[in-house]
Amino acid sequence: MRPVRIRLTGIPAVGRHGANPGERDTPQEFEVDLEVVVDPPGDHLDDTTDYRELKATVVRTIEEESHQLLETVARSVVQAVARDPRVRSARAVVHKPGAARSMSVADVSVEASTE
């Protein structure tokens, strides 16, 4: 069998990240699109990673850490998710809706991956 991709899109989280003065004083909203590659050997829940755990890992990383760069936030999310031994690779796109609104653009996001 070939590996498969699991995608969770639009994971909402709140965190204190940013480089501008005062940006980390107040929690901001973030949204994460996550993709992981797994290779389940069978048809049992224990053969793959739990979707709820993936989401919880993303939210916990955004909430508990604080970084200046959105690039570092994305890397942290990918590294946290990749700690699951069933995850062969991971890719995360972290969106910062408040930054997009302040710049009058549709999206501000950064992508990081283990590949």
Protein backbone atom coordinates (compact mmCIF):
# COMPACT_ATOMS: atom_id res chain seq x y z
CA MET A 1 0.00 0.00 0.00
CA ARG A 2 1.05 3.58 -0.58
CA PRO A 3 1.09 6.27 2.11
CA VAL A 4 -1.99 8.47 2.44
CA ARG A 5 -2.50 12.14 3.25
CA ILE A 6 -4.72 13.40 6.04
CA ARG A 7 -5.84 17.02 5.75
CA LEU A 8 -7.39 19.20 8.42
CA THR A 9 -8.21 22.67 7.16
CA GLY A 10 -9.26 25.75 9.05
CA ILE A 11 -8.08 24.75 12.54
CA PRO A 12 -8.83 27.83 14.68
CA ALA A 13 -6.39 28.84 17.42
CA VAL A 14 -5.54 31.89 19.48
CA GLY A 15 -1.99 32.88 20.35
CA ARG A 16 0.48 35.64 21.12
CA HIS A 17 2.76 35.90 18.11
CA GLY A 18 4.13 38.89 16.23
CA ALA A 19 7.07 41.19 15.70
CA ASN A 20 5.38 44.59 15.93
CA PRO A 21 5.22 46.48 19.25
CA GLY A 22 2.28 45.31 21.36
CA GLU A 23 1.39 42.49 18.99
CA ARG A 24 2.02 39.81 21.59
CA ASP A 25 0.23 41.68 24.38
CA THR A 26 -3.22 40.58 23.25
CA PRO A 27 -4.10 37.11 21.91
CA GLN A 28 -4.76 37.05 18.17
CA GLU A 29 -6.59 34.60 15.96
CA PHE A 30 -4.76 32.18 13.72
CA GLU A 31 -5.98 29.49 11.37
CA VAL A 32 -3.99 26.42 10.40
CA ASP A 33 -4.29 24.06 7.45
CA LEU A 34 -2.51 20.82 8.25
CA GLU A 35 -1.53 17.91 6.04
CA VAL A 36 0.21 14.79 7.32
CA VAL A 37 1.35 11.67 5.50
CA VAL A 38 0.78 8.35 7.23
CA ASP A 39 1.16 4.75 6.14
CA PRO A 40 -1.33 2.68 8.16
CA PRO A 41 -0.50 -1.02 7.94
CA GLY A 42 -4.09 -2.07 8.60
CA ASP A 43 -7.67 -0.95 9.03
CA HIS A 44 -7.64 -0.15 12.75
CA LEU A 45 -7.69 3.19 14.54
CA ASP A 46 -4.36 2.39 16.20
CA ASP A 47 -2.77 2.05 12.75
CA THR A 48 -3.05 5.77 12.04
CA THR A 49 -2.88 9.05 13.89
CA ASP A 50 -5.95 10.43 15.64
CA TYR A 51 -7.43 13.49 13.89
CA ARG A 52 -8.47 14.95 17.24
CA GLU A 53 -4.91 14.65 18.55
CA LEU A 54 -3.56 16.37 15.45
CA LYS A 55 -5.92 19.28 16.00
CA ALA A 56 -5.12 19.42 19.72
CA THR A 57 -1.38 19.50 18.98
CA VAL A 58 -1.81 22.40 16.57
CA VAL A 59 -3.97 24.40 18.99
CA ARG A 60 -1.67 23.70 21.95
CA THR A 61 1.38 24.82 19.96
CA ILE A 62 -0.26 28.09 18.87
CA GLU A 63 -1.60 28.79 22.38
CA GLU A 64 1.41 27.84 24.51
CA GLU A 65 4.31 29.21 22.48
CA SER A 66 5.11 32.79 21.52
CA HIS A 67 7.21 33.77 18.51
CA GLN A 68 7.97 36.94 16.63
CA LEU A 69 7.88 35.40 13.17
CA LEU A 70 4.95 33.62 11.58
CA GLU A 71 7.61 31.48 9.91
CA THR A 72 8.69 30.19 13.33
CA VAL A 73 5.09 29.52 14.33
CA ALA A 74 4.61 27.36 11.22
CA ARG A 75 7.84 25.47 11.88
CA SER A 76 6.83 24.86 15.50
CA VAL A 77 3.47 23.44 14.44
CA VAL A 78 5.11 21.07 11.94
CA GLN A 79 7.72 19.93 14.46
CA ALA A 80 5.09 19.27 17.12
CA VAL A 81 2.90 17.25 14.77
CA ALA A 82 5.90 15.31 13.43
CA ARG A 83 6.67 13.99 16.92
CA ASP A 84 3.90 11.43 16.41
CA PRO A 85 5.80 8.34 15.22
CA ARG A 86 3.01 7.44 12.78
CA VAL A 87 3.45 10.75 10.92
CA ARG A 88 5.89 10.29 8.03
CA SER A 89 5.81 13.95 7.01
CA ALA A 90 3.84 17.08 7.80
CA ARG A 91 2.98 20.38 6.19
CA ALA A 92 1.27 23.33 7.87
CA VAL A 93 0.01 26.62 6.50
CA VAL A 94 -0.51 29.15 9.29
CA HIS A 95 -2.82 32.05 8.44
CA LYS A 96 -2.91 35.31 10.38
CA PRO A 97 -6.30 36.89 9.59
CA GLY A 98 -5.63 40.06 11.60
CA ALA A 99 -2.52 40.82 9.57
CA ALA A 100 -4.45 40.27 6.35
CA ARG A 101 -7.20 42.67 7.48
CA SER A 102 -4.71 45.34 8.53
CA MET A 103 -3.02 45.16 5.12
CA SER A 104 -6.30 44.92 3.15
CA VAL A 105 -5.25 41.66 1.50
CA ALA A 106 -7.08 38.35 1.28
CA ASP A 107 -4.54 36.32 3.27
CA VAL A 108 -1.25 36.42 5.11
CA SER A 109 0.15 32.95 5.64
CA VAL A 110 3.34 30.95 5.92
CA GLU A 111 3.90 27.32 4.97
CA ALA A 112 6.38 24.98 6.61
CA SER A 113 6.99 21.27 6.09
CA THR A 114 9.20 18.43 7.24
CA GLU A 115 10.13 17.67 3.62
